[in-house]
Amino acid sequence: MTDRHNEHQKEYFSERSLPRMRASLSGTPYVRRHVEEVMRIAVASKGDRVIDLGCGLGKYTAAIHELGFAVEGLDLTPALIDQFRLDLPQIPAHVGDAASPPEELHGRFDLAVGFFFMHHVADLAPILEGVRTLLGPGGRAVFLEPNPLFLGYYLQVTFTRGMTWRGERGILRMRPRAFEEAGRAAGFTSFGHRAFGVMPPAVANRRWGRSVERAIERVPGWQRVGAFRLFWMACPR
């Protein structure tokens, strides 16, 4: 079942245009905020070695690199990594399944991150086991995912050309209990989660849009239903 799922994901990301994943978008306010939120939760320092899981075309990987971190990318889809290497030759990138990462990457990283990656996997547990092998003692993992309580995603998937519920249905599994159960089984500790944000890129990239977003985030209860949910965990030292 996992093999069929992975093959479908490769096709899903190889056989359609992906303008929202271009590395050239790395400097936009929308992307910068996502990266800054992840790195803040990770308590990342410039000496950390970072692996970006499900890196795709490198939009978020490039943004991490631009902040001065030593970062590498990993993705299941060869076509995406081929384009990544053309656009971002200065950043190492690897083809591989996060559930069974290349052995040469084992134990090399202080921080593993994923941006809208985990809702595309077949099962959280084997992925987190694989992520655990990439990290050294005290390593951290932080994932940014769609919040299934945010209704905007259901409209986006239904009406956006090229998006399908077969490809995106993992959004429904992006819940704290699922991450903590899979993380504990993989040997992680120190779990946490929180939500933030509301605006799509077209609005969040405008100054007025960011001002409106910050105002909405101050509404009581928004921490539960915000558009983006962060999940984090750590390896024992």
C-alpha atoms as a PDB file:
ATOM      1  CA  MET A   1       0.000   0.000   0.000  1.00  0.00           C
ATOM      2  CA  THR A   2       2.828   2.403   0.873  1.00  0.00           C
ATOM      3  CA  ASP A   3       4.521   1.724  -2.480  1.00  0.00           C
ATOM      4  CA  ARG A   4       1.306   2.523  -4.374  1.00  0.00           C
ATOM      5  CA  HIS A   5       0.857   5.686  -2.328  1.00  0.00           C
ATOM      6  CA  ASN A   6       4.424   6.798  -3.038  1.00  0.00           C
ATOM      7  CA  GLU A   7       4.073   6.149  -6.750  1.00  0.00           C
ATOM      8  CA  HIS A   8       0.900   8.201  -6.841  1.00  0.00           C
ATOM      9  CA  GLN A   9       2.635  11.053  -5.007  1.00  0.00           C
ATOM     10  CA  LYS A  10       5.487  11.006  -7.527  1.00  0.00           C
ATOM     11  CA  GLU A  11       2.957  11.265 -10.357  1.00  0.00           C
ATOM     12  CA  TYR A  12       0.994  13.953  -8.514  1.00  0.00           C
ATOM     13  CA  PHE A  13       4.061  16.187  -8.310  1.00  0.00           C
ATOM     14  CA  SER A  14       5.662  15.251 -11.642  1.00  0.00           C
ATOM     15  CA  GLU A  15       2.773  15.529 -14.068  1.00  0.00           C
ATOM     16  CA  ARG A  16       1.443  19.033 -13.376  1.00  0.00           C
ATOM     17  CA  SER A  17       2.684  22.585 -13.216  1.00  0.00           C
ATOM     18  CA  LEU A  18       3.793  23.651  -9.737  1.00  0.00           C
ATOM     19  CA  PRO A  19       4.081  27.463  -9.846  1.00  0.00           C
ATOM     20  CA  ARG A  20       3.512  27.808  -6.079  1.00  0.00           C
ATOM     21  CA  MET A  21       6.556  25.611  -5.350  1.00  0.00           C
ATOM     22  CA  ARG A  22       9.162  27.552  -7.350  1.00  0.00           C
ATOM     23  CA  ALA A  23      12.425  28.312  -5.551  1.00  0.00           C
ATOM     24  CA  SER A  24      12.175  31.904  -6.790  1.00  0.00           C
ATOM     25  CA  LEU A  25       9.394  32.466  -4.225  1.00  0.00           C
ATOM     26  CA  SER A  26      11.771  31.913  -1.302  1.00  0.00           C
ATOM     27  CA  GLY A  27      12.038  35.623  -0.511  1.00  0.00           C
ATOM     28  CA  THR A  28       8.317  36.374  -0.300  1.00  0.00           C
ATOM     29  CA  PRO A  29       6.851  37.454   3.071  1.00  0.00           C
ATOM     30  CA  TYR A  30       4.552  34.388   3.058  1.00  0.00           C
ATOM     31  CA  VAL A  31       7.465  31.946   2.793  1.00  0.00           C
ATOM     32  CA  ARG A  32       9.738  33.939   5.091  1.00  0.00           C
ATOM     33  CA  ARG A  33       7.175  33.907   7.860  1.00  0.00           C
ATOM     34  CA  HIS A  34       6.712  30.143   7.607  1.00  0.00           C
ATOM     35  CA  VAL A  35      10.452  29.587   7.828  1.00  0.00           C
ATOM     36  CA  GLU A  36      10.882  32.053  10.673  1.00  0.00           C
ATOM     37  CA  GLU A  37       8.103  30.391  12.683  1.00  0.00           C
ATOM     38  CA  VAL A  38       9.663  26.956  12.189  1.00  0.00           C
ATOM     39  CA  MET A  39      13.194  28.074  13.047  1.00  0.00           C
ATOM     40  CA  ARG A  40      11.979  29.969  16.105  1.00  0.00           C
ATOM     41  CA  ILE A  41      10.133  26.929  17.470  1.00  0.00           C
ATOM     42  CA  ALA A  42      13.224  24.811  16.739  1.00  0.00           C
ATOM     43  CA  VAL A  43      15.433  27.259  18.680  1.00  0.00           C
ATOM     44  CA  ALA A  44      17.748  26.983  15.681  1.00  0.00           C
ATOM     45  CA  SER A  45      21.243  28.439  15.709  1.00  0.00           C
ATOM     46  CA  LYS A  46      23.428  29.192  12.703  1.00  0.00           C
ATOM     47  CA  GLY A  47      25.671  26.246  13.528  1.00  0.00           C
ATOM     48  CA  ASP A  48      22.836  23.751  13.120  1.00  0.00           C
ATOM     49  CA  ARG A  49      22.862  21.319  10.223  1.00  0.00           C
ATOM     50  CA  VAL A  50      19.364  21.249   8.714  1.00  0.00           C
ATOM     51  CA  ILE A  51      17.587  18.755   6.454  1.00  0.00           C
ATOM     52  CA  ASP A  52      14.440  19.886   4.610  1.00  0.00           C
ATOM     53  CA  LEU A  53      12.195  16.854   4.106  1.00  0.00           C
ATOM     54  CA  GLY A  54       9.903  16.761   1.088  1.00  0.00           C
ATOM     55  CA  CYS A  55      11.811  19.759  -0.220  1.00  0.00           C
ATOM     56  CA  GLY A  56      10.184  19.676  -3.665  1.00  0.00           C
ATOM     57  CA  LEU A  57      11.569  22.441  -5.886  1.00  0.00           C
ATOM     58  CA  GLY A  58      13.379  24.034  -2.948  1.00  0.00           C
ATOM     59  CA  LYS A  59      11.233  27.050  -2.111  1.00  0.00           C
ATOM     60  CA  TYR A  60      11.595  26.602   1.639  1.00  0.00           C
ATOM     61  CA  THR A  61      15.082  25.110   1.422  1.00  0.00           C
ATOM     62  CA  ALA A  62      16.300  28.226  -0.354  1.00  0.00           C
ATOM     63  CA  ALA A  63      14.682  30.448   2.286  1.00  0.00           C
ATOM     64  CA  ILE A  64      16.485  28.528   5.041  1.00  0.00           C
ATOM     65  CA  HIS A  65      19.760  28.858   3.122  1.00  0.00           C
ATOM     66  CA  GLU A  66      19.198  32.607   2.723  1.00  0.00           C
ATOM     67  CA  LEU A  67      18.965  32.902   6.522  1.00  0.00           C
ATOM     68  CA  GLY A  68      22.511  31.529   6.759  1.00  0.00           C
ATOM     69  CA  PHE A  69      21.850  27.914   7.735  1.00  0.00           C
ATOM     70  CA  ALA A  70      23.680  24.890   6.341  1.00  0.00           C
ATOM     71  CA  VAL A  71      20.720  23.077   4.773  1.00  0.00           C
ATOM     72  CA  GLU A  72      20.188  20.100   2.480  1.00  0.00           C
ATOM     73  CA  GLY A  73      17.059  18.830   0.741  1.00  0.00           C
ATOM     74  CA  LEU A  74      15.477  15.376   0.515  1.00  0.00           C
ATOM     75  CA  ASP A  75      12.548  14.423  -1.698  1.00  0.00           C
ATOM     76  CA  LEU A  76      10.971  11.232  -3.011  1.00  0.00           C
ATOM     77  CA  THR A  77      10.365  12.563  -6.532  1.00  0.00           C
ATOM     78  CA  PRO A  78      13.377  12.508  -8.890  1.00  0.00           C
ATOM     79  CA  ALA A  79      11.874  15.087 -11.267  1.00  0.00           C
ATOM     80  CA  LEU A  80      11.601  17.633  -8.463  1.00  0.00           C
ATOM     81  CA  ILE A  81      15.174  17.070  -7.307  1.00  0.00           C
ATOM     82  CA  ASP A  82      16.429  17.363 -10.880  1.00  0.00           C
ATOM     83  CA  GLN A  83      14.875  20.832 -11.123  1.00  0.00           C
ATOM     84  CA  PHE A  84      16.023  21.706  -7.577  1.00  0.00           C
ATOM     85  CA  ARG A  85      19.628  20.986  -8.558  1.00  0.00           C
ATOM     86  CA  LEU A  86      19.332  23.179 -11.643  1.00  0.00           C
ATOM     87  CA  ASP A  87      17.841  26.106  -9.747  1.00  0.00           C
ATOM     88  CA  LEU A  88      19.810  25.754  -6.493  1.00  0.00           C
ATOM     89  CA  PRO A  89      23.189  24.182  -7.317  1.00  0.00           C
ATOM     90  CA  GLN A  90      24.670  25.634  -4.120  1.00  0.00           C
ATOM     91  CA  ILE A  91      22.410  23.476  -1.903  1.00  0.00           C
ATOM     92  CA  PRO A  92      22.934  19.681  -1.642  1.00  0.00           C
ATOM     93  CA  ALA A  93      19.804  17.726  -2.568  1.00  0.00           C
ATOM     94  CA  HIS A  94      19.051  14.000  -2.337  1.00  0.00           C
ATOM     95  CA  VAL A  95      16.463  11.662  -3.809  1.00  0.00           C
ATOM     96  CA  GLY A  96      15.066   9.340  -1.170  1.00  0.00           C
ATOM     97  CA  ASP A  97      12.185   8.214   0.990  1.00  0.00           C
ATOM     98  CA  ALA A  98      12.145   9.881   4.408  1.00  0.00           C
ATOM     99  CA  ALA A  99      10.988   6.551   5.863  1.00  0.00           C
ATOM    100  CA  SER A 100      14.301   4.980   4.820  1.00  0.00           C
ATOM    101  CA  PRO A 101      16.759   7.833   4.173  1.00  0.00           C
ATOM    102  CA  PRO A 102      20.082   7.230   2.420  1.00  0.00           C
ATOM    103  CA  GLU A 103      22.570   5.780   4.910  1.00  0.00           C
ATOM    104  CA  GLU A 104      25.109   8.500   4.225  1.00  0.00           C
ATOM    105  CA  LEU A 105      22.679  10.986   5.794  1.00  0.00           C
ATOM    106  CA  HIS A 106      22.166   9.084   9.043  1.00  0.00           C
ATOM    107  CA  GLY A 107      22.995  11.040  12.186  1.00  0.00           C
ATOM    108  CA  ARG A 108      24.258  14.070  10.256  1.00  0.00           C
ATOM    109  CA  PHE A 109      21.684  16.677  11.239  1.00  0.00           C
ATOM    110  CA  ASP A 110      20.703  18.767  14.238  1.00  0.00           C
ATOM    111  CA  LEU A 111      17.328  19.781  12.841  1.00  0.00           C
ATOM    112  CA  ALA A 112      14.823  18.150  10.477  1.00  0.00           C
ATOM    113  CA  VAL A 113      12.062  20.330   9.059  1.00  0.00           C
ATOM    114  CA  GLY A 114       9.166  19.739   6.721  1.00  0.00           C
ATOM    115  CA  PHE A 115       6.855  22.272   5.064  1.00  0.00           C
ATOM    116  CA  PHE A 116       3.497  20.862   3.935  1.00  0.00           C
ATOM    117  CA  PHE A 117       5.180  17.479   3.584  1.00  0.00           C
ATOM    118  CA  MET A 118       3.716  15.131   6.192  1.00  0.00           C
ATOM    119  CA  HIS A 119       0.163  15.247   4.879  1.00  0.00           C
ATOM    120  CA  HIS A 120       1.454  13.655   1.668  1.00  0.00           C
ATOM    121  CA  VAL A 121       2.896  10.522   3.340  1.00  0.00           C
ATOM    122  CA  ALA A 122       1.081   7.206   3.696  1.00  0.00           C
ATOM    123  CA  ASP A 123       1.795   6.742   7.417  1.00  0.00           C
ATOM    124  CA  LEU A 124       3.370   9.058   9.981  1.00  0.00           C
ATOM    125  CA  ALA A 125       5.029   6.326  12.058  1.00  0.00           C
ATOM    126  CA  PRO A 126       7.611   5.022   9.536  1.00  0.00           C
ATOM    127  CA  ILE A 127       8.411   8.558   8.408  1.00  0.00           C
ATOM    128  CA  LEU A 128       9.194   9.678  11.957  1.00  0.00           C
ATOM    129  CA  GLU A 129      11.288   6.554  12.477  1.00  0.00           C
ATOM    130  CA  GLY A 130      13.257   7.527   9.378  1.00  0.00           C
ATOM    131  CA  VAL A 131      13.568  11.129  10.537  1.00  0.00           C
ATOM    132  CA  ARG A 132      14.927   9.862  13.855  1.00  0.00           C
ATOM    133  CA  THR A 133      17.824   8.184  12.010  1.00  0.00           C
ATOM    134  CA  LEU A 134      18.803  11.493  10.402  1.00  0.00           C
ATOM    135  CA  LEU A 135      19.247  13.282  13.736  1.00  0.00           C
ATOM    136  CA  GLY A 136      21.972  13.178  16.329  1.00  0.00           C
ATOM    137  CA  PRO A 137      21.390  13.204  20.119  1.00  0.00           C
ATOM    138  CA  GLY A 138      19.235  16.164  21.089  1.00  0.00           C
ATOM    139  CA  GLY A 139      18.171  16.734  17.495  1.00  0.00           C
ATOM    140  CA  ARG A 140      14.837  18.403  16.817  1.00  0.00           C
ATOM    141  CA  ALA A 141      12.099  17.930  14.228  1.00  0.00           C
ATOM    142  CA  VAL A 142       9.545  20.607  13.298  1.00  0.00           C
ATOM    143  CA  PHE A 143       6.771  20.220  10.727  1.00  0.00           C
ATOM    144  CA  LEU A 144       4.470  22.877   9.280  1.00  0.00           C
ATOM    145  CA  GLU A 145       1.201  21.446   7.972  1.00  0.00           C
ATOM    146  CA  PRO A 146      -2.319  22.472   6.974  1.00  0.00           C
ATOM    147  CA  ASN A 147      -4.665  22.607   9.942  1.00  0.00           C
ATOM    148  CA  PRO A 148      -7.658  20.331   9.214  1.00  0.00           C
ATOM    149  CA  LEU A 149      -9.842  22.652  11.303  1.00  0.00           C
ATOM    150  CA  PHE A 150      -9.265  25.490   8.811  1.00  0.00           C
ATOM    151  CA  LEU A 151     -12.128  25.366   6.300  1.00  0.00           C
ATOM    152  CA  GLY A 152     -10.239  27.236   3.589  1.00  0.00           C
ATOM    153  CA  TYR A 153      -8.300  24.106   2.607  1.00  0.00           C
ATOM    154  CA  TYR A 154     -11.444  22.257   1.610  1.00  0.00           C
ATOM    155  CA  LEU A 155     -12.326  25.031  -0.812  1.00  0.00           C
ATOM    156  CA  GLN A 156      -8.749  25.231  -2.095  1.00  0.00           C
ATOM    157  CA  VAL A 157      -8.451  21.522  -2.871  1.00  0.00           C
ATOM    158  CA  THR A 158     -11.923  21.368  -4.437  1.00  0.00           C
ATOM    159  CA  PHE A 159     -11.522  24.355  -6.744  1.00  0.00           C
ATOM    160  CA  THR A 160      -7.774  24.574  -7.510  1.00  0.00           C
ATOM    161  CA  ARG A 161      -6.827  23.095 -10.859  1.00  0.00           C
ATOM    162  CA  GLY A 162      -4.419  20.190 -10.472  1.00  0.00           C
ATOM    163  CA  MET A 163      -5.129  19.576  -6.790  1.00  0.00           C
ATOM    164  CA  THR A 164      -7.050  16.409  -5.863  1.00  0.00           C
ATOM    165  CA  TRP A 165      -8.378  14.897  -2.663  1.00  0.00           C
ATOM    166  CA  ARG A 166      -6.465  11.724  -3.416  1.00  0.00           C
ATOM    167  CA  GLY A 167      -3.276  13.762  -3.313  1.00  0.00           C
ATOM    168  CA  GLU A 168      -4.247  15.984  -0.367  1.00  0.00           C
ATOM    169  CA  ARG A 169      -6.484  13.831   1.849  1.00  0.00           C
ATOM    170  CA  GLY A 170      -3.702  13.473   4.417  1.00  0.00           C
ATOM    171  CA  ILE A 171      -4.704  16.941   5.641  1.00  0.00           C
ATOM    172  CA  LEU A 172      -7.358  15.176   7.710  1.00  0.00           C
ATOM    173  CA  ARG A 173      -4.636  13.326   9.687  1.00  0.00           C
ATOM    174  CA  MET A 174      -2.660  16.414  10.687  1.00  0.00           C
ATOM    175  CA  ARG A 175      -3.675  16.300  14.356  1.00  0.00           C
ATOM    176  CA  PRO A 176      -1.575  16.557  17.533  1.00  0.00           C
ATOM    177  CA  ARG A 177      -2.485  13.118  18.881  1.00  0.00           C
ATOM    178  CA  ALA A 178      -1.412  11.397  15.647  1.00  0.00           C
ATOM    179  CA  PHE A 179       1.977  13.145  15.689  1.00  0.00           C
ATOM    180  CA  GLU A 180       2.614  12.421  19.350  1.00  0.00           C
ATOM    181  CA  GLU A 181       1.692   8.729  19.094  1.00  0.00           C
ATOM    182  CA  ALA A 182       3.881   8.208  16.010  1.00  0.00           C
ATOM    183  CA  GLY A 183       6.682  10.321  17.507  1.00  0.00           C
ATOM    184  CA  ARG A 184       6.773   8.397  20.784  1.00  0.00           C
ATOM    185  CA  ALA A 185       6.936   5.122  18.892  1.00  0.00           C
ATOM    186  CA  ALA A 186       9.945   6.504  16.974  1.00  0.00           C
ATOM    187  CA  GLY A 187      11.754   7.545  20.168  1.00  0.00           C
ATOM    188  CA  PHE A 188      11.002  11.267  20.188  1.00  0.00           C
ATOM    189  CA  THR A 189      10.072  13.306  23.270  1.00  0.00           C
ATOM    190  CA  SER A 190       9.094  16.915  24.130  1.00  0.00           C
ATOM    191  CA  PHE A 191       6.082  17.296  21.857  1.00  0.00           C
ATOM    192  CA  GLY A 192       4.245  20.504  21.107  1.00  0.00           C
ATOM    193  CA  HIS A 193       1.920  22.118  18.599  1.00  0.00           C
ATOM    194  CA  ARG A 194       0.258  25.418  17.781  1.00  0.00           C
ATOM    195  CA  ALA A 195      -1.579  27.072  14.916  1.00  0.00           C
ATOM    196  CA  PHE A 196      -1.114  30.457  13.277  1.00  0.00           C
ATOM    197  CA  GLY A 197      -1.960  32.368  10.118  1.00  0.00           C
ATOM    198  CA  VAL A 198      -4.959  32.682   7.872  1.00  0.00           C
ATOM    199  CA  MET A 199      -4.089  34.442   4.607  1.00  0.00           C
ATOM    200  CA  PRO A 200      -3.154  32.791   1.271  1.00  0.00           C
ATOM    201  CA  PRO A 201       0.065  33.970  -0.433  1.00  0.00           C
ATOM    202  CA  ALA A 202      -1.665  36.531  -2.662  1.00  0.00           C
ATOM    203  CA  VAL A 203      -2.863  38.381   0.437  1.00  0.00           C
ATOM    204  CA  ALA A 204      -0.083  37.550   2.930  1.00  0.00           C
ATOM    205  CA  ASN A 205       2.512  38.988   0.535  1.00  0.00           C
ATOM    206  CA  ARG A 206       0.879  42.423   0.789  1.00  0.00           C
ATOM    207  CA  ARG A 207       1.541  44.727   3.716  1.00  0.00           C
ATOM    208  CA  TRP A 208      -2.143  45.332   4.403  1.00  0.00           C
ATOM    209  CA  GLY A 209      -2.792  41.586   4.233  1.00  0.00           C
ATOM    210  CA  ARG A 210      -0.180  40.881   6.884  1.00  0.00           C
ATOM    211  CA  SER A 211      -1.675  43.572   9.117  1.00  0.00           C
ATOM    212  CA  VAL A 212      -5.126  42.018   8.811  1.00  0.00           C
ATOM    213  CA  GLU A 213      -3.689  38.567   9.477  1.00  0.00           C
ATOM    214  CA  ARG A 214      -1.995  39.686  12.700  1.00  0.00           C
ATOM    215  CA  ALA A 215      -5.253  41.267  13.863  1.00  0.00           C
ATOM    216  CA  ILE A 216      -7.176  38.051  13.223  1.00  0.00           C
ATOM    217  CA  GLU A 217      -4.519  36.050  15.090  1.00  0.00           C
ATOM    218  CA  ARG A 218      -5.238  38.086  18.206  1.00  0.00           C
ATOM    219  CA  VAL A 219      -8.833  36.840  18.269  1.00  0.00           C
ATOM    220  CA  PRO A 220      -9.352  34.419  21.200  1.00  0.00           C
ATOM    221  CA  GLY A 221      -9.400  30.803  20.023  1.00  0.00           C
ATOM    222  CA  TRP A 222      -7.500  31.434  16.795  1.00  0.00           C
ATOM    223  CA  GLN A 223      -4.581  29.359  18.107  1.00  0.00           C
ATOM    224  CA  ARG A 224      -6.790  26.318  17.573  1.00  0.00           C
ATOM    225  CA  VAL A 225      -8.214  26.998  14.116  1.00  0.00           C
ATOM    226  CA  GLY A 226      -5.425  28.932  12.344  1.00  0.00           C
ATOM    227  CA  ALA A 227      -4.558  27.874   8.804  1.00  0.00           C
ATOM    228  CA  PHE A 228      -1.105  26.466   9.577  1.00  0.00           C
ATOM    229  CA  ARG A 229      -0.208  24.098  12.392  1.00  0.00           C
ATOM    230  CA  LEU A 230       3.297  23.549  13.739  1.00  0.00           C
ATOM    231  CA  PHE A 231       4.255  20.202  15.272  1.00  0.00           C
ATOM    232  CA  TRP A 232       7.571  19.740  17.057  1.00  0.00           C
ATOM    233  CA  MET A 233       9.480  17.045  18.928  1.00  0.00           C
ATOM    234  CA  ALA A 234      13.036  16.248  20.013  1.00  0.00           C
ATOM    235  CA  CYS A 235      15.434  13.333  20.348  1.00  0.00           C
ATOM    236  CA  PRO A 236      16.767  12.420  23.807  1.00  0.00           C
ATOM    237  CA  ARG A 237      20.302  13.672  24.487  1.00  0.00           C
END
